[in-house]
Protein backbone atom coordinates (compact mmCIF):
# COMPACT_ATOMS: atom_id res chain seq x y z
CA UNK A 1 3.13 37.38 -7.20
CA UNK A 2 3.36 35.38 -10.44
CA UNK A 3 0.34 36.16 -12.63
CA UNK A 4 -0.25 32.50 -13.55
CA UNK A 5 -0.08 31.42 -9.92
CA UNK A 6 -2.48 34.16 -8.85
CA UNK A 7 -4.92 33.25 -11.62
CA UNK A 8 -4.75 29.64 -10.46
CA UNK A 9 -5.71 30.68 -6.93
CA UNK A 10 -8.93 32.14 -8.32
CA UNK A 11 -9.75 29.05 -10.40
CA UNK A 12 -13.18 27.55 -9.48
CA UNK A 13 -11.57 24.24 -8.45
CA UNK A 14 -9.20 25.94 -6.00
CA UNK A 15 -12.03 28.11 -4.68
CA UNK A 16 -14.15 24.97 -4.20
CA UNK A 17 -11.53 23.41 -1.91
CA UNK A 18 -10.90 26.67 -0.09
CA UNK A 19 -14.62 27.20 0.51
CA UNK A 20 -14.92 23.70 2.00
CA UNK A 21 -11.92 24.33 4.26
CA UNK A 22 -13.31 27.70 5.36
CA UNK A 23 -16.71 26.09 5.98
CA UNK A 24 -15.17 23.45 8.28
CA UNK A 25 -13.25 26.18 10.14
CA UNK A 26 -16.57 27.97 10.69
CA UNK A 27 -18.06 24.75 12.09
CA UNK A 28 -15.12 24.34 14.48
CA UNK A 29 -15.47 27.95 15.67
CA UNK A 30 -19.20 27.40 16.22
CA UNK A 31 -18.66 24.99 19.12
CA UNK A 32 -16.35 27.33 21.08
CA UNK A 33 -18.07 28.14 24.37
CA UNK A 34 -17.34 31.88 24.21
CA UNK A 35 -19.80 33.46 21.77
CA UNK A 36 -17.67 36.55 21.14
CA UNK A 37 -14.47 34.56 20.58
CA UNK A 38 -16.22 32.12 18.23
CA UNK A 39 -17.61 34.85 15.95
CA UNK A 40 -14.29 36.75 15.96
CA UNK A 41 -12.35 33.64 14.89
CA UNK A 42 -15.00 32.79 12.27
CA UNK A 43 -14.35 36.12 10.56
CA UNK A 44 -10.60 36.26 11.28
CA UNK A 45 -9.64 32.99 9.52
CA UNK A 46 -11.06 33.87 6.08
CA UNK A 47 -9.59 37.37 6.36
CA UNK A 48 -6.13 35.88 7.03
CA UNK A 49 -6.56 33.53 4.08
CA UNK A 50 -7.60 36.43 1.85
CA UNK A 51 -4.54 38.41 2.98
CA UNK A 52 -2.13 35.50 2.36
CA UNK A 53 -3.70 34.72 -1.02
CA UNK A 54 -3.58 38.31 -2.17
CA UNK A 55 -7.21 38.34 -3.31
CA UNK A 56 -8.53 41.76 -4.20
CA UNK A 57 -11.81 40.93 -5.93
CA UNK A 58 -14.69 41.90 -3.68
CA UNK A 59 -16.88 38.91 -4.56
CA UNK A 60 -14.18 36.42 -3.42
CA UNK A 61 -13.83 38.25 -0.10
CA UNK A 62 -17.61 38.22 0.44
CA UNK A 63 -17.86 34.57 -0.65
CA UNK A 64 -15.22 33.28 1.80
CA UNK A 65 -16.57 35.28 4.75
CA UNK A 66 -20.15 34.18 3.95
CA UNK A 67 -19.12 30.51 3.75
CA UNK A 68 -17.31 30.77 7.09
CA UNK A 69 -20.32 32.42 8.76
CA UNK A 70 -22.69 29.80 7.34
CA UNK A 71 -20.59 27.01 8.90
CA UNK A 72 -20.55 28.91 12.19
CA UNK A 73 -24.33 29.45 12.09
CA UNK A 74 -25.23 25.82 11.32
CA UNK A 75 -22.80 24.57 13.97
CA UNK A 76 -24.14 27.04 16.55
CA UNK A 77 -27.73 26.08 15.72
CA UNK A 78 -27.15 22.34 16.21
CA UNK A 79 -24.98 22.86 19.28
CA UNK A 80 -27.48 25.23 20.89
CA UNK A 81 -30.31 22.77 20.13
CA UNK A 82 -28.48 20.10 22.10
CA UNK A 83 -27.91 22.49 25.01
CA UNK A 84 -31.63 23.30 25.14
CA UNK A 85 -32.55 19.59 25.15
CA UNK A 86 -29.95 18.82 27.83
CA UNK A 87 -31.17 21.65 30.05
CA UNK A 88 -34.76 20.50 29.57
CA UNK A 89 -33.87 16.98 30.73
CA UNK A 90 -32.01 18.41 33.73
CA UNK A 91 -35.07 20.46 34.62
CA UNK A 92 -37.55 17.60 34.31
CA UNK A 93 -35.37 15.24 36.35
CA UNK A 94 -34.53 17.83 39.03
CA UNK A 95 -30.88 17.76 37.97
CA UNK A 96 -30.82 13.95 37.66
CA UNK A 97 -32.12 13.17 41.13
CA UNK A 98 -35.07 11.00 42.05
CA UNK A 99 -36.88 8.15 40.29
CA UNK A 100 -39.41 8.63 37.50
CA UNK A 101 -41.70 6.70 35.18
CA UNK A 102 -40.17 7.12 31.72
CA UNK A 103 -41.88 6.36 28.41
CA UNK A 104 -39.98 6.31 25.12
CA UNK A 105 -39.12 4.62 21.84
CA UNK A 106 -36.04 2.46 21.24
CA UNK A 107 -34.50 3.64 17.96
CA UNK A 108 -30.89 2.44 17.80
CA UNK A 109 -28.48 -0.19 19.10
CA UNK A 110 -25.42 1.60 20.49
CA UNK A 111 -23.27 -1.20 21.95
CA UNK A 112 -23.45 -4.89 22.82
CA UNK A 113 -21.52 -6.78 25.48
CA UNK A 114 -21.66 -10.30 26.90
CA UNK A 115 -24.01 -9.29 29.73
CA UNK A 116 -26.11 -6.47 28.29
CA UNK A 117 -27.08 -4.40 25.27
CA UNK A 118 -27.17 -0.61 25.27
CA UNK A 119 -29.83 1.12 23.16
CA UNK A 120 -30.73 4.71 22.45
CA UNK A 121 -34.13 5.52 23.95
CA UNK A 122 -35.85 8.65 22.67
CA UNK A 123 -37.88 9.95 25.61
CA UNK A 124 -41.56 10.69 25.01
CA UNK A 125 -42.77 11.39 28.56
CA UNK A 126 -41.42 11.69 32.09
CA UNK A 127 -43.92 11.17 34.90
CA UNK A 128 -42.95 12.84 38.17
CA UNK A 129 -44.89 10.70 40.64
CA UNK A 130 -44.59 13.20 43.47
CA UNK A 131 -46.67 15.80 41.63
CA UNK A 132 -48.54 13.46 39.25
CA UNK A 133 -47.41 15.74 36.43
CA UNK A 134 -46.45 14.26 33.07
CA UNK A 135 -44.01 16.17 30.90
CA UNK A 136 -44.03 15.47 27.15
CA UNK A 137 -40.56 15.60 25.59
CA UNK A 138 -41.42 14.01 22.24
CA UNK A 139 -40.39 17.03 20.16
CA UNK A 140 -37.10 17.69 22.00
CA UNK A 141 -35.31 14.64 20.55
CA UNK A 142 -33.87 13.80 23.97
CA UNK A 143 -32.11 10.46 24.10
CA UNK A 144 -30.60 8.35 26.87
CA UNK A 145 -28.52 5.19 26.98
CA UNK A 146 -30.79 2.32 27.97
CA UNK A 147 -28.92 -0.73 29.28
CA UNK A 148 -30.94 -3.96 29.02
CA UNK A 149 -29.69 -7.39 30.27
CA UNK A 150 -28.87 -9.80 27.45
CA UNK A 151 -31.56 -12.27 28.55
CA UNK A 152 -34.30 -9.70 27.80
CA UNK A 153 -35.46 -9.09 24.25
CA UNK A 154 -36.23 -5.64 22.89
CA UNK A 155 -36.63 -4.52 19.29
CA UNK A 156 -35.98 -1.35 17.36
CA UNK A 157 -39.03 0.98 17.38
CA UNK A 158 -40.51 -0.76 20.44
CA UNK A 159 -42.24 1.72 22.77
CA UNK A 160 -41.55 0.90 26.42
CA UNK A 161 -42.19 2.24 29.91
CA UNK A 162 -40.01 1.73 32.96
CA UNK A 163 -39.49 3.12 36.44
CA UNK A 164 -36.04 4.19 37.53
CA UNK A 165 -33.36 6.86 37.69
CA UNK A 166 -31.65 8.71 34.86
CA UNK A 167 -27.94 9.26 35.48
CA UNK A 168 -26.03 12.05 33.75
CA UNK A 169 -23.42 11.02 31.16
CA UNK A 170 -22.47 14.42 29.68
CA UNK A 171 -19.50 16.32 31.07
CA UNK A 172 -17.16 18.96 29.69
CA UNK A 173 -15.01 19.14 27.67
CA UNK A 174 -16.97 17.07 25.15
CA UNK A 175 -14.28 14.57 24.22
CA UNK A 176 -14.35 10.81 23.84
CA UNK A 177 -17.44 9.18 25.32
CA UNK A 178 -19.10 12.51 26.21
CA UNK A 179 -18.58 13.81 22.66
CA UNK A 180 -19.99 10.59 21.18
CA UNK A 181 -23.09 10.89 23.39
CA UNK A 182 -23.49 14.60 22.64
CA UNK A 183 -23.43 13.99 18.89
CA UNK A 184 -26.15 11.33 19.16
CA UNK A 185 -28.25 13.61 21.41
CA UNK A 186 -27.86 11.29 24.39
CA UNK A 187 -27.73 13.04 27.76
CA UNK A 188 -28.36 10.37 30.37
CA UNK A 189 -28.27 6.67 31.17
CA UNK A 190 -30.61 4.14 32.80
CA UNK A 191 -30.05 0.50 33.67
CA UNK A 192 -33.38 -1.30 33.31
CA UNK A 193 -33.82 -4.90 34.53
CA UNK A 194 -37.64 -4.71 34.18
CA UNK A 195 -39.75 -2.76 31.70
CA UNK A 196 -43.25 -2.78 30.21
CA UNK A 197 -43.55 -2.97 26.42
CA UNK A 198 -46.34 -0.65 25.30
CA UNK A 199 -46.12 -1.56 21.61
CA UNK A 200 -43.79 -3.51 19.34
CA UNK A 201 -42.00 -1.97 16.41
CA UNK A 202 -42.77 -3.43 12.99
CA UNK A 203 -40.01 -5.43 11.34
CA UNK A 204 -39.26 -3.78 7.99
CA UNK A 205 -38.45 -5.82 4.85
CA UNK A 206 -34.79 -4.75 5.10
CA UNK A 207 -34.79 -5.64 8.78
CA UNK A 208 -36.06 -9.10 7.83
CA UNK A 209 -33.21 -9.51 5.33
CA UNK A 210 -30.64 -8.55 7.99
CA UNK A 211 -32.24 -10.96 10.46
CA UNK A 212 -32.15 -13.75 7.87
CA UNK A 213 -28.49 -13.10 7.01
CA UNK A 214 -27.63 -13.13 10.70
CA UNK A 215 -29.39 -16.47 11.25
CA UNK A 216 -27.70 -18.09 8.21
CA UNK A 217 -24.18 -17.01 9.20
CA UNK A 218 -24.70 -17.82 12.90
CA UNK A 219 -26.02 -21.31 12.05
CA UNK A 220 -22.83 -22.45 10.31
CA UNK A 221 -20.00 -20.49 11.99
CA UNK A 222 -18.70 -20.08 15.56
CA UNK A 223 -20.03 -16.96 17.28
CA UNK A 224 -16.96 -14.69 17.01
CA UNK A 225 -16.27 -15.78 13.43
CA UNK A 226 -19.91 -15.10 12.56
CA UNK A 227 -19.64 -11.70 14.24
CA UNK A 228 -16.63 -10.73 12.11
CA UNK A 229 -18.32 -11.91 8.89
CA UNK A 230 -21.54 -10.04 9.65
CA UNK A 231 -19.60 -6.91 10.60
CA UNK A 232 -17.71 -6.94 7.30
CA UNK A 233 -20.78 -7.62 5.14
CA UNK A 234 -23.72 -5.80 6.78
CA UNK A 235 -22.11 -3.87 9.65
CA UNK A 236 -23.74 -6.01 12.38
CA UNK A 237 -21.34 -6.79 15.27
CA UNK A 238 -23.90 -7.98 17.84
CA UNK A 239 -22.38 -11.49 17.94
CA UNK A 240 -18.84 -10.33 18.74
CA UNK A 241 -17.75 -10.71 22.35
CA UNK A 242 -16.52 -7.72 24.35
CA UNK A 243 -13.00 -9.16 24.47
CA UNK A 244 -12.90 -9.52 20.68
CA UNK A 245 -14.09 -5.95 20.13
CA UNK A 246 -11.47 -4.69 22.56
CA UNK A 247 -8.74 -6.69 20.79
CA UNK A 248 -9.71 -5.32 17.38
CA UNK A 249 -9.72 -1.77 18.76
CA UNK A 250 -6.26 -2.16 20.33
CA UNK A 251 -4.94 -3.73 17.13
CA UNK A 252 -6.31 -0.82 15.07
CA UNK A 253 -8.45 -2.96 12.76
CA UNK A 254 -11.96 -2.09 14.02
CA UNK A 255 -12.58 -0.34 10.69
CA UNK A 256 -13.03 -3.70 8.91
CA UNK A 257 -16.21 -4.27 10.95
CA UNK A 258 -17.78 -1.11 9.53
CA UNK A 259 -19.36 -1.01 6.08
CA UNK A 260 -17.46 1.59 4.04
CA UNK A 261 -16.23 2.41 0.56
CA UNK A 262 -14.87 -1.05 -0.27
CA UNK A 263 -18.29 -2.63 0.34
CA UNK A 264 -20.10 -0.08 -1.84
CA UNK A 265 -17.47 -0.40 -4.58
CA UNK A 266 -17.88 -4.18 -4.47
CA UNK A 267 -21.67 -3.93 -4.94
CA UNK A 268 -21.23 -1.55 -7.90
CA UNK A 269 -18.54 -3.72 -9.54
CA UNK A 270 -20.64 -6.88 -9.23
CA UNK A 271 -23.78 -5.18 -10.59
CA UNK A 272 -22.01 -3.52 -13.50
CA UNK A 273 -20.31 -6.83 -14.31
CA UNK A 274 -23.69 -8.57 -14.52
CA UNK A 275 -25.51 -5.76 -16.36
CA UNK A 276 -22.74 -5.54 -18.96
CA UNK A 277 -24.08 -8.72 -20.54
CA UNK A 278 -27.71 -7.55 -20.55
CA UNK A 279 -28.74 -5.37 -23.52
CA UNK A 280 -30.54 -2.47 -21.79
CA UNK A 281 -30.48 1.29 -22.14
CA UNK A 282 -27.77 3.22 -20.28
CA UNK A 283 -30.20 5.22 -18.13
CA UNK A 284 -31.94 2.00 -17.08
CA UNK A 285 -28.59 0.37 -16.16
CA UNK A 286 -27.61 3.41 -14.10
CA UNK A 287 -31.01 3.42 -12.38
CA UNK A 288 -30.69 -0.26 -11.41
CA UNK A 289 -27.24 0.29 -9.89
CA UNK A 290 -28.42 3.37 -7.96
CA UNK A 291 -31.47 1.54 -6.57
CA UNK A 292 -29.45 -1.51 -5.44
CA UNK A 293 -26.74 0.63 -3.82
CA UNK A 294 -29.39 2.65 -1.95
CA UNK A 295 -31.07 -0.59 -0.82
CA UNK A 296 -27.71 -1.92 0.43
CA UNK A 297 -27.09 1.35 2.28
CA UNK A 298 -30.50 1.08 3.94
CA UNK A 299 -29.81 -2.55 4.84
CA UNK A 300 -26.56 -1.80 6.68
CA UNK A 301 -27.77 1.53 8.17
CA UNK A 302 -27.01 5.10 7.18
CA UNK A 303 -24.04 5.81 9.41
CA UNK A 304 -21.75 8.60 8.24
CA UNK A 305 -19.12 6.30 6.64
CA UNK A 306 -21.88 4.61 4.63
CA UNK A 307 -23.36 7.95 3.56
CA UNK A 308 -19.91 9.19 2.49
CA UNK A 309 -19.11 6.00 0.58
CA UNK A 310 -22.49 5.80 -1.19
CA UNK A 311 -22.34 9.46 -2.23
CA UNK A 312 -18.75 9.19 -3.51
CA UNK A 313 -19.19 5.99 -5.45
CA UNK A 314 -22.52 6.90 -7.00
CA UNK A 315 -21.23 10.30 -8.18
CA UNK A 316 -18.12 8.62 -9.61
CA UNK A 317 -20.08 5.80 -11.25
CA UNK A 318 -22.67 8.10 -12.86
CA UNK A 319 -20.00 10.46 -14.19
CA UNK A 320 -17.94 7.59 -15.64
CA UNK A 321 -21.02 6.00 -17.21
CA UNK A 322 -21.62 9.24 -19.13
CA UNK A 323 -17.99 9.38 -20.25
CA UNK A 324 -16.82 12.17 -17.95
CA UNK A 325 -13.50 12.38 -16.11
CA UNK A 326 -13.80 12.50 -12.34
CA UNK A 327 -11.54 14.05 -9.71
CA UNK A 328 -11.70 11.69 -6.73
CA UNK A 329 -10.51 14.49 -4.44
CA UNK A 330 -13.29 16.79 -5.62
CA UNK A 331 -15.90 14.03 -5.20
CA UNK A 332 -14.68 13.28 -1.66
CA UNK A 333 -14.91 16.95 -0.67
CA UNK A 334 -18.32 17.25 -2.34
CA UNK A 335 -19.62 14.24 -0.37
CA UNK A 336 -18.07 15.63 2.82
CA UNK A 337 -19.68 19.02 2.22
CA UNK A 338 -23.09 17.40 1.74
CA UNK A 339 -22.75 15.48 5.01
CA UNK A 340 -21.63 18.55 6.94
CA UNK A 341 -24.47 20.65 5.56
CA UNK A 342 -26.88 18.04 6.89
CA UNK A 343 -25.04 17.35 10.15
CA UNK A 344 -22.27 19.94 10.76
CA UNK A 345 -21.35 18.61 14.22
CA UNK A 346 -20.18 15.35 12.61
CA UNK A 347 -16.91 17.17 11.91
CA UNK A 348 -16.25 17.73 15.60
CA UNK A 349 -17.87 14.80 17.40
CA UNK A 350 -18.41 11.87 14.99
CA UNK A 351 -15.36 9.61 14.97
CA UNK A 352 -16.89 7.49 12.19
CA UNK A 353 -17.02 10.45 9.82
CA UNK A 354 -13.51 11.57 10.79
CA UNK A 355 -11.95 8.14 10.26
CA UNK A 356 -13.79 7.55 6.98
CA UNK A 357 -13.06 10.96 5.46
CA UNK A 358 -9.43 11.19 6.66
CA UNK A 359 -8.65 7.58 5.66
CA UNK A 360 -10.05 8.09 2.16
CA UNK A 361 -8.22 11.41 1.81
CA UNK A 362 -5.00 9.68 2.86
CA UNK A 363 -5.45 7.05 0.13
CA UNK A 364 -6.10 9.70 -2.54
CA UNK A 365 -3.08 11.79 -1.51
CA UNK A 366 -0.43 9.26 -0.56
CA UNK A 367 -1.28 6.05 -2.46
CA UNK A 368 0.12 7.12 -5.89
CA UNK A 369 3.51 8.38 -4.59
CA UNK A 370 3.89 5.43 -2.21
CA UNK A 371 3.08 3.00 -5.01
CA UNK A 372 5.74 4.66 -7.16
CA UNK A 373 8.33 4.46 -4.37
CA UNK A 374 7.64 0.80 -3.57
CA UNK A 375 7.77 -0.38 -7.19
CA UNK A 376 11.08 -1.75 -8.41
CA UNK A 377 11.99 -2.63 -4.83
CA UNK A 378 11.85 -6.38 -5.44
CA UNK A 379 8.31 -6.40 -4.03
CA UNK A 380 5.57 -8.30 -5.92
CA UNK A 381 2.98 -6.05 -7.58
CA UNK A 382 0.08 -7.35 -5.47
CA UNK A 383 2.09 -6.65 -2.30
CA UNK A 384 2.93 -3.14 -3.55
CA UNK A 385 -0.78 -2.32 -3.85
CA UNK A 386 -1.57 -3.73 -0.40
CA UNK A 387 1.33 -1.90 1.26
CA UNK A 388 0.75 1.44 -0.45
CA UNK A 389 -3.02 1.52 0.22
CA UNK A 390 -2.57 0.44 3.86
CA UNK A 391 0.19 2.97 4.50
CA UNK A 392 -1.80 5.75 2.84
CA UNK A 393 -5.03 4.99 4.71
CA UNK A 394 -3.13 4.78 8.02
CA UNK A 395 -1.40 8.11 7.35
CA UNK A 396 -4.80 9.74 6.88
CA UNK A 397 -6.80 8.05 9.63
CA UNK A 398 -4.12 8.63 12.30
CA UNK A 399 -5.28 12.27 12.41
CA UNK A 400 -8.81 11.25 13.44
CA UNK A 401 -7.49 8.63 15.89
CA UNK A 402 -5.29 11.19 17.65
CA UNK A 403 -8.07 13.82 17.75
CA UNK A 404 -10.92 11.59 18.93
CA UNK A 405 -9.13 9.02 21.10
CA UNK A 406 -5.84 10.74 22.11
CA UNK A 407 -4.03 7.50 21.34
CA UNK A 408 -1.87 5.89 18.69
CA UNK A 409 -2.22 2.09 18.23
CA UNK A 410 1.44 1.10 18.03
CA UNK A 411 0.91 -1.95 15.83
CA UNK A 412 -1.96 -0.76 13.65
CA UNK A 413 0.19 -0.62 10.51
CA UNK A 414 1.50 -4.18 10.91
CA UNK A 415 -1.94 -5.63 11.70
CA UNK A 416 -3.58 -3.87 8.74
CA UNK A 417 -0.89 -5.01 6.31
CA UNK A 418 -1.27 -8.61 7.48
CA UNK A 419 -5.04 -8.73 6.97
CA UNK A 420 -5.65 -6.41 4.01
CA UNK A 421 -5.10 -9.07 1.36
CA UNK A 422 -7.99 -11.18 2.71
CA UNK A 423 -10.72 -8.56 3.13
CA UNK A 424 -11.92 -8.48 -0.49
CA UNK A 425 -12.13 -12.26 -0.68
CA UNK A 426 -14.10 -12.59 2.57
CA UNK A 427 -16.57 -9.94 1.41
CA UNK A 428 -17.04 -11.64 -1.97
CA UNK A 429 -17.21 -15.17 -0.55
CA UNK A 430 -19.69 -14.15 2.17
CA UNK A 431 -22.05 -12.53 -0.33
CA UNK A 432 -21.85 -15.67 -2.46
CA UNK A 433 -22.45 -17.79 0.64
CA UNK A 434 -25.73 -15.99 1.33
CA UNK A 435 -26.74 -16.52 -2.31
CA UNK A 436 -25.97 -20.25 -2.00
CA UNK A 437 -28.18 -20.36 1.11
CA UNK A 438 -31.12 -19.35 -1.10
CA UNK A 439 -30.60 -21.87 -3.90
CA UNK A 440 -28.07 -24.61 -3.08
CA UNK A 441 -27.98 -25.26 0.65
CA UNK A 442 -25.89 -28.44 0.26
CA UNK A 443 -22.78 -26.47 -0.80
CA UNK A 444 -22.69 -24.27 2.30
CA UNK A 445 -20.44 -26.58 4.34
CA UNK A 446 -17.74 -26.83 1.64
CA UNK A 447 -17.87 -23.17 0.65
CA UNK A 448 -17.93 -22.13 4.29
CA UNK A 449 -14.32 -23.28 4.73
CA UNK A 450 -13.16 -20.69 2.19
CA UNK A 451 -14.62 -18.04 4.50
CA UNK A 452 -13.83 -19.61 7.86
CA UNK A 453 -10.05 -20.02 7.38
CA UNK A 454 -9.20 -16.40 6.36
CA UNK A 455 -11.65 -15.03 8.96
CA UNK A 456 -10.06 -17.17 11.68
CA UNK A 457 -6.68 -15.81 10.58
CA UNK A 458 -7.96 -12.21 10.90
CA UNK A 459 -9.33 -13.04 14.35
CA UNK A 460 -5.91 -14.40 15.36
CA UNK A 461 -4.18 -11.23 14.09
CA UNK A 462 -6.64 -9.11 16.09
CA UNK A 463 -6.04 -11.12 19.26
CA UNK A 464 -2.26 -11.17 18.80
CA UNK A 465 -1.85 -7.44 18.23
CA UNK A 466 -4.73 -6.61 20.55
CA UNK A 467 -2.53 -7.51 23.50
CA UNK A 468 -0.10 -4.74 22.57
CA UNK A 469 -0.40 -1.37 24.23
CA UNK A 470 -1.36 1.95 22.68
CA UNK A 471 0.53 5.20 23.14
CA UNK A 472 -1.60 7.74 24.99
CA UNK A 473 -1.18 11.47 24.30
CA UNK A 474 -2.19 14.31 26.59
CA UNK A 475 -5.57 15.67 25.45
CA UNK A 476 -4.43 19.25 24.75
CA UNK A 477 -1.27 18.13 22.97
CA UNK A 478 -3.24 15.54 20.96
CA UNK A 479 -5.65 18.18 19.67
CA UNK A 480 -2.75 20.43 18.61
CA UNK A 481 -1.00 17.55 16.83
CA UNK A 482 -4.22 16.60 15.02
CA UNK A 483 -4.82 20.20 13.92
CA UNK A 484 -1.23 20.49 12.64
CA UNK A 485 -1.50 17.24 10.65
CA UNK A 486 -4.90 18.28 9.25
CA UNK A 487 -3.38 21.60 8.16
CA UNK A 488 -0.56 19.72 6.46
CA UNK A 489 -3.09 17.60 4.54
CA UNK A 490 -4.91 20.77 3.44
CA UNK A 491 -1.66 22.30 2.15
CA UNK A 492 -0.94 19.11 0.17
CA UNK A 493 -4.45 19.13 -1.36
CA UNK A 494 -4.09 22.75 -2.49
CA UNK A 495 -0.56 22.14 -3.78
CA UNK A 496 -1.68 19.14 -5.86
CA UNK A 497 -4.63 21.04 -7.31
CA UNK A 498 -2.53 24.11 -8.19
CA UNK A 499 0.15 21.95 -9.80
CA UNK A 500 -2.41 20.05 -11.89
CA UNK A 501 -4.06 23.30 -13.04
CA UNK A 502 -0.76 24.94 -13.95
CA UNK A 503 0.36 21.85 -15.89
CA UNK A 504 -2.89 21.81 -17.86
CA UNK A 505 -2.29 25.32 -19.23
């Protein structure tokens, strides 16, 4: 092997990427049902990598095997914890048969439709009326889907009690809906037309801000338009109808309704633009930006895409403020590693994390070469940027779409290209609209048209392409395709890093 190439393999940057990859492999092995097979594969993969790389230094061998085993252990721990909770709920409900008095706390909105809203209820107690025995499940973190009719009001952190059955929602293999429920520690479902509210949850200051923003937007815009605006700005899609959500999903543009990197970048750009004209110390300027970004993240909710975006942009911003060069690839993997240390099963079961990470990785890998190819093709510069970013993001996110949903939206590329030029403006104009609502209410009607027209256009694109079909792939084949494409992305990452390191020598 070439000495320079071998030295590059042992460079800390290359080892950083390899350790992350090995860690994710360990996580994947940790959810294999066979304990013996999972531990064998966890050790086998780093050994194969060591053999192919030609590493002979003992500390590299120990490092890679240790990283793989740590991913396996954390994944096994979280997975086993869910199994224990699921078995406990089965036991207390006599394998989901009979009716019980259930007490719990509502802690998350999971889905809204025209007729009902589905919440996550964390169970506190189950009262078996036949034996008058109350089982406390507060510490087990056992959740169920709680379906409440739309005409009934319930708030986050409300403690309620109801009488009814709990139906099982978990089956195996844990794909699609079952995987989504498993990740959120949700093991059953109840439909509740009547309940008793024991106590009301307190509305937090950030909850009040979200409620105010929702009332302002809903007051001046039609319901579906308001739902799209709120989804793009604060991640709230409660006002969108079921048909509109389905259309956006089929068209492959649901991602615009989720707060992600573009929103966080926008907040940072606006703040730095304002603070540039205020003579304050650098550390104070950085502190103000960090505080506001964290407040915005808390306002929209700390879903995995938000966590990933906040971590990436804050690391990048702080490094650039202190005059340091930043590798966007390294920052993405660092943010991903932090998330997977905290919640390793996000890699396997959280579609939001998969779409966010893979889409961002696609932009970092494919945007520069695509931009170079499209230039000098008689395409305007602004269109080159839109096309290259959209193509790159689609190339990355298709891996997560295939893995989690076993489908390929046939028109996702066309729909994303058609709407991408309007997203930044709607986000900016909507933020300004909320500011106008605080100081100059009379301008809202005129300014509202600058938001309404592009949003209505996006809604039309979603409805038009939402009627098109998606290509469904067999589950086993889909998983193999996704793994192959993920492996290809890994090879490209390592190739780019090795090439950059060799060029710098």
